[in-house]
Protein backbone atom coordinates (compact mmCIF):
# COMPACT_ATOMS: atom_id res chain seq x y z
CA UNK A 1 95.29 -56.11 -40.16
CA UNK A 2 97.63 -58.26 -41.53
CA UNK A 3 99.48 -60.32 -39.54
CA UNK A 4 103.17 -61.01 -40.11
CA UNK A 5 104.41 -64.57 -39.87
CA UNK A 6 107.13 -66.98 -41.50
CA UNK A 7 105.18 -69.12 -43.90
CA UNK A 8 105.64 -72.97 -43.19
CA UNK A 9 103.95 -76.23 -43.18
CA UNK A 10 102.02 -75.08 -40.15
CA UNK A 11 100.54 -71.79 -41.74
CA UNK A 12 99.55 -73.35 -45.28
CA UNK A 13 95.75 -72.98 -43.76
CA UNK A 14 96.24 -69.72 -42.43
CA UNK A 15 92.68 -67.78 -42.26
CA UNK A 16 92.67 -63.86 -42.65
CA UNK A 17 92.28 -62.29 -39.45
CA UNK A 18 90.95 -58.92 -39.56
CA UNK A 19 89.57 -55.95 -37.70
CA UNK A 20 85.71 -55.94 -38.07
CA UNK A 21 84.58 -53.70 -40.53
CA UNK A 22 82.39 -51.52 -38.59
CA UNK A 23 83.54 -51.51 -34.83
CA UNK A 24 86.02 -52.55 -32.64
CA UNK A 25 87.31 -56.18 -32.30
CA UNK A 26 88.56 -58.88 -34.85
CA UNK A 27 86.80 -60.86 -37.28
CA UNK A 28 88.09 -64.46 -38.03
CA UNK A 29 86.00 -66.27 -40.58
CA UNK A 30 82.19 -65.62 -39.77
CA UNK A 31 82.87 -64.92 -36.08
CA UNK A 32 84.04 -61.53 -34.16
CA UNK A 33 85.36 -60.80 -30.73
CA UNK A 34 84.78 -58.06 -28.25
CA UNK A 35 86.40 -57.41 -24.81
CA UNK A 36 85.16 -54.91 -22.48
CA UNK A 37 87.14 -53.86 -19.26
CA UNK A 38 84.95 -52.62 -16.99
CA UNK A 39 85.89 -50.46 -13.80
CA UNK A 40 83.60 -51.79 -10.89
CA UNK A 41 82.39 -49.57 -8.24
CA UNK A 42 84.54 -49.77 -5.29
CA UNK A 43 83.28 -52.62 -2.85
CA UNK A 44 80.83 -54.12 -5.40
CA UNK A 45 82.57 -57.13 -6.66
CA UNK A 46 80.87 -59.26 -4.05
CA UNK A 47 77.40 -58.10 -5.33
CA UNK A 48 78.60 -59.24 -8.80
CA UNK A 49 79.30 -62.60 -7.44
CA UNK A 50 75.99 -62.62 -5.89
CA UNK A 51 74.18 -61.88 -9.19
CA UNK A 52 76.57 -64.26 -11.28
CA UNK A 53 74.45 -67.30 -10.63
CA UNK A 54 71.41 -65.77 -11.83
CA UNK A 55 73.05 -64.62 -14.89
CA UNK A 56 74.63 -68.13 -15.63
CA UNK A 57 71.34 -69.78 -15.03
CA UNK A 58 69.48 -67.40 -17.40
CA UNK A 59 72.31 -67.40 -20.34
CA UNK A 60 70.74 -70.22 -22.45
CA UNK A 61 67.33 -68.20 -22.51
CA UNK A 62 69.19 -64.93 -23.45
CA UNK A 63 71.36 -66.01 -25.71
CA UNK A 64 68.76 -67.94 -27.49
CA UNK A 65 67.08 -64.55 -27.84
CA UNK A 66 70.50 -63.12 -29.27
CA UNK A 67 71.12 -66.03 -31.43
CA UNK A 68 74.77 -65.11 -32.33
CA UNK A 69 77.02 -65.69 -29.43
CA UNK A 70 79.20 -68.50 -29.49
CA UNK A 71 81.00 -67.88 -26.15
CA UNK A 72 80.32 -65.23 -23.43
CA UNK A 73 82.83 -64.73 -20.08
CA UNK A 74 82.68 -62.48 -17.24
CA UNK A 75 86.15 -62.75 -15.37
CA UNK A 76 86.85 -60.62 -11.96
CA UNK A 77 90.36 -59.22 -12.49
CA UNK A 78 93.13 -56.87 -10.54
CA UNK A 79 92.04 -57.35 -7.23
CA UNK A 80 88.18 -57.32 -8.07
CA UNK A 81 88.65 -53.79 -9.41
CA UNK A 82 87.60 -54.67 -12.88
CA UNK A 83 85.64 -57.24 -14.97
CA UNK A 84 87.02 -58.44 -18.10
CA UNK A 85 83.78 -59.35 -20.58
CA UNK A 86 84.69 -61.23 -23.61
CA UNK A 87 82.51 -62.54 -26.28
CA UNK A 88 82.55 -64.46 -29.75
CA UNK A 89 79.70 -63.84 -31.74
CA UNK A 90 78.63 -64.14 -35.25
CA UNK A 91 78.93 -61.56 -37.85
CA UNK A 92 79.59 -57.70 -37.86
CA UNK A 93 79.99 -55.73 -34.78
CA UNK A 94 77.28 -53.21 -35.01
CA UNK A 95 74.38 -55.61 -35.64
CA UNK A 96 75.67 -57.81 -32.55
CA UNK A 97 75.47 -54.88 -30.49
CA UNK A 98 71.79 -54.17 -31.73
CA UNK A 99 70.95 -57.54 -31.06
CA UNK A 100 72.69 -57.33 -27.45
CA UNK A 101 70.93 -54.18 -26.45
CA UNK A 102 67.61 -55.42 -27.67
CA UNK A 103 67.28 -59.02 -26.67
CA UNK A 104 69.61 -59.31 -23.70
CA UNK A 105 69.55 -55.65 -22.29
CA UNK A 106 67.52 -56.57 -19.26
CA UNK A 107 70.00 -59.65 -18.56
CA UNK A 108 73.25 -57.23 -18.53
CA UNK A 109 71.27 -54.87 -16.54
CA UNK A 110 70.58 -57.18 -13.78
CA UNK A 111 74.23 -57.99 -13.55
CA UNK A 112 75.90 -54.63 -14.39
CA UNK A 113 73.40 -52.19 -12.54
CA UNK A 114 75.11 -50.83 -9.53
CA UNK A 115 78.53 -52.63 -9.83
CA UNK A 116 80.27 -51.31 -13.18
CA UNK A 117 80.85 -47.56 -12.47
CA UNK A 118 78.86 -45.57 -15.13
CA UNK A 119 76.24 -48.36 -16.27
CA UNK A 120 73.04 -47.24 -16.06
CA UNK A 121 70.47 -49.40 -18.64
CA UNK A 122 72.06 -51.11 -21.74
CA UNK A 123 68.83 -49.08 -23.61
CA UNK A 124 70.34 -45.59 -22.72
CA UNK A 125 72.90 -43.81 -24.82
CA UNK A 126 75.40 -43.26 -21.87
CA UNK A 127 75.68 -46.64 -21.29
CA UNK A 128 76.05 -47.51 -24.79
CA UNK A 129 79.03 -45.03 -25.08
CA UNK A 130 80.19 -46.26 -21.61
CA UNK A 131 80.49 -49.94 -23.06
CA UNK A 132 82.09 -48.89 -26.51
CA UNK A 133 84.65 -46.77 -24.69
CA UNK A 134 85.64 -49.74 -22.77
CA UNK A 135 86.43 -52.03 -25.75
CA UNK A 136 89.61 -53.46 -26.38
CA UNK A 137 90.84 -55.37 -29.33
CA UNK A 138 92.57 -58.52 -29.08
CA UNK A 139 95.68 -59.08 -30.36
CA UNK A 140 95.16 -62.48 -31.15
CA UNK A 141 92.12 -64.23 -32.09
CA UNK A 142 91.87 -67.81 -32.73
CA UNK A 143 88.37 -70.00 -33.10
CA UNK A 144 88.04 -73.65 -34.27
CA UNK A 145 85.37 -73.85 -37.19
CA UNK A 146 85.54 -70.28 -37.70
CA UNK A 147 83.30 -70.79 -40.77
CA UNK A 148 80.29 -72.07 -38.73
CA UNK A 149 77.79 -69.65 -37.40
CA UNK A 150 75.80 -70.50 -34.06
CA UNK A 151 72.96 -71.44 -36.62
CA UNK A 152 74.88 -73.86 -38.63
CA UNK A 153 76.09 -75.43 -35.68
CA UNK A 154 72.65 -75.87 -34.63
CA UNK A 155 71.80 -77.35 -37.74
CA UNK A 156 74.44 -79.63 -37.79
CA UNK A 157 73.58 -80.70 -34.56
CA UNK A 158 69.81 -81.62 -35.43
CA UNK A 159 70.82 -83.54 -38.66
CA UNK A 160 73.23 -85.54 -36.60
CA UNK A 161 70.53 -86.54 -34.22
CA UNK A 162 68.21 -87.10 -36.86
CA UNK A 163 70.97 -89.37 -38.79
CA UNK A 164 71.43 -91.28 -35.55
CA UNK A 165 68.07 -91.94 -34.96
CA UNK A 166 67.50 -93.23 -38.32
CA UNK A 167 70.64 -95.52 -38.19
CA UNK A 168 68.96 -96.61 -34.65
CA UNK A 169 66.01 -97.48 -36.26
CA UNK A 170 67.30 -99.23 -39.16
CA UNK A 171 69.66 -101.57 -36.92
C-alpha cells in the first residue's frame, strides 16, 4: 500500500506502511494492526461489561504467554450493538492469530462466548472464520518506535534497570 503524500520537511523520515503480507491489516515496521468489528447479541452488552474486569485483570498473564502484543482495546460502539476490538502486535498476521488461538483462546472465550453473535470457542474453525470475516484494515496506522518488538522493549527495560542499579551502587 503506497500512501500518496506531498514530500516536505515533516515527511523526510517516513516509514513504509504496507498491507500485511499474509492477512488483513497494515504493517508499520515490525508491528501489525488488526481491528475486528463484532456484532453483539442484543441485550448482551451488560454481560460484556461484567466480564471485562476479569479480562483486564488477566491481560498481563495472557499477553505474557502470547508475547507479541503491544496494545489491545475492546470498545463498545453503536449504542452497544457492536464491539470494536483493536490490537497492535509484532510480526505477520498468521503467526499472531495462531498464537492468540493457542495461548489466549480461553481468555477471549471467557469474554466473548454468549456475547459476540456467532462466537463459539476460539479453537473452533467456525469462530476463526467469524473473526476473519469481521476484520477491517485501518486507513492510517502509526506507532512510535515501530522498529521495536515486545521482546526488544522488555530487553531494553531490563538493561535500563541494570544500568540504573549499577550507577546507584557506584555512587
